[in-house]
Every structure is written in structure tokens, then in C-alpha cells.
Amino acid sequence: MQVLIDTSAIVAILNRADENHSRALTLMQKARAQRIKLFMTNFLVGETYATLLSRIGLYAAREWLINNDIPVIRATAKDEQEAKGIILRYKDKDFSYVDAISFTVMKRLKMSIAFAFDDHFQQFGFKLYSD
């Protein structure tokens, strides 16, 4: 099974001060034990680096960027167009562009589960990886 890992999960794993830290560590151990294939998009790489930089600091952000071994799937131009469409279509939601890119890539790859602590995935109809 393939599961998209969101910035919210990575930050929770690495940031001891994050309210989801313990749960994120437990879920990551479970994913490894179940041999879940995690992946992220190239947009998530940028978002995760920026979030780590602002919340934990330069050293942690750089270490994550250098040592990240989560496979990265690149968003296509078509994914980007669809992401814009999602943002325009869902006027009552505050999906970020990165969220919308994640949704389009997941749809393209026929994925239904995200490892995230972000309600936007459920609002769009995906399931969250849980215990």
C-alpha cells in the first residue's frame, strides 16, 4: 500500500513540541512494520523544509532535507492545473495550493490514504492513516 506523507506528519515526527508528536512516532513505527510505501510530492518537500525552518530551526531543516529518503513524486503541469481548479471550485475551503497538489497527485495515482494531521485531506474525501 502507498500512502502520501504530509508536511504535518513529518513536522510532528521531528518536533517534540508538536501536539501530535507521540502519535506521529507511533504511526511511523506502524507504517514501517506494515511496510507501507510512503511518498511525498516535490511541493511537499519545499513546504516541509520551510515549516521545519520556521518551527525547529535551520539545522533541523537542513538535516531533514539532506537525509530525507522518502520517495518524491513530481507534480505534473496537469496536476498544477487541476490544483488551481480545486482551489477555485471549493470556495468554502481554505485548501493550500500544496494541499491541492497533493490531492491531484493522489487522485492521479489512485491513492486514498494520507499520513497527515491536516483535516483538509478528509474534507476532500481521503482517509487518514491511523492506528
C-alpha atoms as a PDB file:
ATOM      1  CA  MET A   1       0.000   0.000   0.000  1.00  0.00           C
ATOM      2  CA  GLN A   2       1.195   3.515  -0.850  1.00  0.00           C
ATOM      3  CA  VAL A   3       0.439   6.439   1.453  1.00  0.00           C
ATOM      4  CA  LEU A   4       1.202  10.111   0.951  1.00  0.00           C
ATOM      5  CA  ILE A   5       3.029  11.628   3.927  1.00  0.00           C
ATOM      6  CA  ASP A   6       2.121  15.251   4.519  1.00  0.00           C
ATOM      7  CA  THR A   7       4.199  18.059   5.999  1.00  0.00           C
ATOM      8  CA  SER A   8       2.028  17.921   9.121  1.00  0.00           C
ATOM      9  CA  ALA A   9       3.126  14.333   9.812  1.00  0.00           C
ATOM     10  CA  ILE A  10       6.823  14.945   9.166  1.00  0.00           C
ATOM     11  CA  VAL A  11       6.862  18.024  11.385  1.00  0.00           C
ATOM     12  CA  ALA A  12       5.014  16.122  14.129  1.00  0.00           C
ATOM     13  CA  ILE A  13       7.588  13.318  13.953  1.00  0.00           C
ATOM     14  CA  LEU A  14      10.559  15.672  14.192  1.00  0.00           C
ATOM     15  CA  ASN A  15       9.228  18.346  16.541  1.00  0.00           C
ATOM     16  CA  ARG A  16       8.968  17.137  20.147  1.00  0.00           C
ATOM     17  CA  ALA A  17       6.868  20.221  20.955  1.00  0.00           C
ATOM     18  CA  ASP A  18       4.226  19.305  18.357  1.00  0.00           C
ATOM     19  CA  GLU A  19       0.916  18.198  19.893  1.00  0.00           C
ATOM     20  CA  ASN A  20       0.868  15.140  17.581  1.00  0.00           C
ATOM     21  CA  HIS A  21       4.490  14.096  18.200  1.00  0.00           C
ATOM     22  CA  SER A  22       3.829  10.857  20.152  1.00  0.00           C
ATOM     23  CA  ARG A  23       1.036   9.737  17.847  1.00  0.00           C
ATOM     24  CA  ALA A  24       3.144  10.526  14.774  1.00  0.00           C
ATOM     25  CA  LEU A  25       6.019   8.398  16.069  1.00  0.00           C
ATOM     26  CA  THR A  26       3.633   5.512  16.789  1.00  0.00           C
ATOM     27  CA  LEU A  27       2.089   5.746  13.317  1.00  0.00           C
ATOM     28  CA  MET A  28       5.516   5.906  11.653  1.00  0.00           C
ATOM     29  CA  GLN A  29       6.585   2.751  13.511  1.00  0.00           C
ATOM     30  CA  LYS A  30       3.337   1.079  12.429  1.00  0.00           C
ATOM     31  CA  ALA A  31       3.886   2.134   8.809  1.00  0.00           C
ATOM     32  CA  ARG A  32       7.389   0.674   8.853  1.00  0.00           C
ATOM     33  CA  ALA A  33       6.192  -2.576  10.457  1.00  0.00           C
ATOM     34  CA  GLN A  34       3.460  -2.887   7.810  1.00  0.00           C
ATOM     35  CA  ARG A  35       5.937  -1.999   5.059  1.00  0.00           C
ATOM     36  CA  ILE A  36       3.754   0.903   3.926  1.00  0.00           C
ATOM     37  CA  LYS A  37       5.339   2.715   0.984  1.00  0.00           C
ATOM     38  CA  LEU A  38       5.346   6.381   1.930  1.00  0.00           C
ATOM     39  CA  PHE A  39       5.825   9.076  -0.691  1.00  0.00           C
ATOM     40  CA  MET A  40       5.615  12.841  -0.925  1.00  0.00           C
ATOM     41  CA  THR A  41       5.379  15.368  -3.715  1.00  0.00           C
ATOM     42  CA  ASN A  42       8.080  17.823  -4.708  1.00  0.00           C
ATOM     43  CA  PHE A  43       5.779  20.583  -3.426  1.00  0.00           C
ATOM     44  CA  LEU A  44       5.665  18.881  -0.016  1.00  0.00           C
ATOM     45  CA  VAL A  45       9.473  18.838   0.089  1.00  0.00           C
ATOM     46  CA  GLY A  46       9.530  22.632  -0.190  1.00  0.00           C
ATOM     47  CA  GLU A  47       6.682  23.107   2.281  1.00  0.00           C
ATOM     48  CA  THR A  48       8.233  20.711   4.799  1.00  0.00           C
ATOM     49  CA  TYR A  49      11.648  22.370   4.602  1.00  0.00           C
ATOM     50  CA  ALA A  50      10.103  25.829   5.091  1.00  0.00           C
ATOM     51  CA  THR A  51       7.946  24.647   8.002  1.00  0.00           C
ATOM     52  CA  LEU A  52      10.850  22.915   9.736  1.00  0.00           C
ATOM     53  CA  LEU A  53      12.982  26.012   9.200  1.00  0.00           C
ATOM     54  CA  SER A  54      10.415  28.232  10.913  1.00  0.00           C
ATOM     55  CA  ARG A  55       9.362  25.849  13.707  1.00  0.00           C
ATOM     56  CA  ILE A  56      12.511  23.955  14.644  1.00  0.00           C
ATOM     57  CA  GLY A  57      15.383  25.833  13.035  1.00  0.00           C
ATOM     58  CA  LEU A  58      17.963  25.855  10.288  1.00  0.00           C
ATOM     59  CA  TYR A  59      19.967  22.832  11.432  1.00  0.00           C
ATOM     60  CA  ALA A  60      16.938  20.520  11.698  1.00  0.00           C
ATOM     61  CA  ALA A  61      15.538  21.699   8.364  1.00  0.00           C
ATOM     62  CA  ARG A  62      18.846  21.153   6.558  1.00  0.00           C
ATOM     63  CA  GLU A  63      19.384  17.748   8.177  1.00  0.00           C
ATOM     64  CA  TRP A  64      15.930  16.654   7.097  1.00  0.00           C
ATOM     65  CA  LEU A  65      16.462  17.922   3.545  1.00  0.00           C
ATOM     66  CA  ILE A  66      19.841  16.181   3.223  1.00  0.00           C
ATOM     67  CA  ASN A  67      18.744  12.902   4.829  1.00  0.00           C
ATOM     68  CA  ASN A  68      15.173  12.631   3.573  1.00  0.00           C
ATOM     69  CA  ASP A  69      14.770   9.230   1.960  1.00  0.00           C
ATOM     70  CA  ILE A  70      11.035   9.389   1.327  1.00  0.00           C
ATOM     71  CA  PRO A  71      10.441   8.904  -2.402  1.00  0.00           C
ATOM     72  CA  VAL A  72       9.319  12.077  -4.158  1.00  0.00           C
ATOM     73  CA  ILE A  73       6.737  12.085  -6.921  1.00  0.00           C
ATOM     74  CA  ARG A  74       6.821  15.207  -9.068  1.00  0.00           C
ATOM     75  CA  ALA A  75       3.623  17.066  -9.762  1.00  0.00           C
ATOM     76  CA  THR A  76       2.918  17.437 -13.456  1.00  0.00           C
ATOM     77  CA  ALA A  77       1.707  20.547 -15.253  1.00  0.00           C
ATOM     78  CA  LYS A  78      -1.710  18.869 -15.436  1.00  0.00           C
ATOM     79  CA  ASP A  79      -1.631  18.305 -11.642  1.00  0.00           C
ATOM     80  CA  GLU A  80      -0.939  22.014 -11.193  1.00  0.00           C
ATOM     81  CA  GLN A  81      -3.878  22.985 -13.424  1.00  0.00           C
ATOM     82  CA  GLU A  82      -6.172  20.623 -11.535  1.00  0.00           C
ATOM     83  CA  ALA A  83      -4.939  22.016  -8.207  1.00  0.00           C
ATOM     84  CA  LYS A  84      -5.914  25.524  -9.293  1.00  0.00           C
ATOM     85  CA  GLY A  85      -9.307  24.158 -10.263  1.00  0.00           C
ATOM     86  CA  ILE A  86      -9.762  22.601  -6.816  1.00  0.00           C
ATOM     87  CA  ILE A  87      -8.977  25.900  -5.107  1.00  0.00           C
ATOM     88  CA  LEU A  88     -11.430  27.767  -7.334  1.00  0.00           C
ATOM     89  CA  ARG A  89     -14.152  25.109  -7.052  1.00  0.00           C
ATOM     90  CA  TYR A  90     -14.082  24.702  -3.246  1.00  0.00           C
ATOM     91  CA  LYS A  91     -14.818  28.305  -2.279  1.00  0.00           C
ATOM     92  CA  ASP A  92     -15.817  27.340   1.266  1.00  0.00           C
ATOM     93  CA  LYS A  93     -12.486  25.553   1.980  1.00  0.00           C
ATOM     94  CA  ASP A  94      -9.093  27.050   2.758  1.00  0.00           C
ATOM     95  CA  PHE A  95      -7.051  24.369   0.985  1.00  0.00           C
ATOM     96  CA  SER A  96      -3.489  25.478   0.376  1.00  0.00           C
ATOM     97  CA  TYR A  97      -2.021  25.114  -3.093  1.00  0.00           C
ATOM     98  CA  VAL A  98       0.280  22.395  -1.721  1.00  0.00           C
ATOM     99  CA  ASP A  99      -2.756  20.554  -0.329  1.00  0.00           C
ATOM    100  CA  ALA A 100      -4.467  20.776  -3.719  1.00  0.00           C
ATOM    101  CA  ILE A 101      -1.331  19.462  -5.458  1.00  0.00           C
ATOM    102  CA  SER A 102      -1.285  16.535  -3.003  1.00  0.00           C
ATOM    103  CA  PHE A 103      -4.942  15.812  -3.800  1.00  0.00           C
ATOM    104  CA  THR A 104      -4.369  15.800  -7.547  1.00  0.00           C
ATOM    105  CA  VAL A 105      -1.295  13.572  -7.315  1.00  0.00           C
ATOM    106  CA  MET A 106      -3.140  11.160  -5.029  1.00  0.00           C
ATOM    107  CA  LYS A 107      -6.076  11.042  -7.454  1.00  0.00           C
ATOM    108  CA  ARG A 108      -3.750  10.505 -10.417  1.00  0.00           C
ATOM    109  CA  LEU A 109      -2.049   7.600  -8.622  1.00  0.00           C
ATOM    110  CA  LYS A 110      -5.393   6.228  -7.390  1.00  0.00           C
ATOM    111  CA  MET A 111      -4.388   6.653  -3.744  1.00  0.00           C
ATOM    112  CA  SER A 112      -6.865   7.122  -0.927  1.00  0.00           C
ATOM    113  CA  ILE A 113      -4.826   7.452   2.294  1.00  0.00           C
ATOM    114  CA  ALA A 114      -2.660  10.245   3.652  1.00  0.00           C
ATOM    115  CA  PHE A 115      -0.459  10.211   6.752  1.00  0.00           C
ATOM    116  CA  ALA A 116      -1.392  13.693   7.910  1.00  0.00           C
ATOM    117  CA  PHE A 117      -2.653  15.756  10.803  1.00  0.00           C
ATOM    118  CA  ASP A 118      -4.490  18.062   8.436  1.00  0.00           C
ATOM    119  CA  ASP A 119      -8.287  17.875   8.182  1.00  0.00           C
ATOM    120  CA  HIS A 120      -8.177  19.097   4.596  1.00  0.00           C
ATOM    121  CA  PHE A 121      -7.460  15.566   3.340  1.00  0.00           C
ATOM    122  CA  GLN A 122     -10.668  14.255   4.912  1.00  0.00           C
ATOM    123  CA  GLN A 123     -12.606  17.305   3.742  1.00  0.00           C
ATOM    124  CA  PHE A 124     -11.577  16.414   0.196  1.00  0.00           C
ATOM    125  CA  GLY A 125     -12.620  12.768   0.667  1.00  0.00           C
ATOM    126  CA  PHE A 126      -9.382  10.970   1.513  1.00  0.00           C
ATOM    127  CA  LYS A 127      -8.791   8.772   4.553  1.00  0.00           C
ATOM    128  CA  LEU A 128      -6.115   9.467   7.147  1.00  0.00           C
ATOM    129  CA  TYR A 129      -3.597   6.809   8.081  1.00  0.00           C
ATOM    130  CA  SER A 130      -4.385   5.952  11.695  1.00  0.00           C
ATOM    131  CA  ASP A 131      -3.889   3.445  14.455  1.00  0.00           C
END
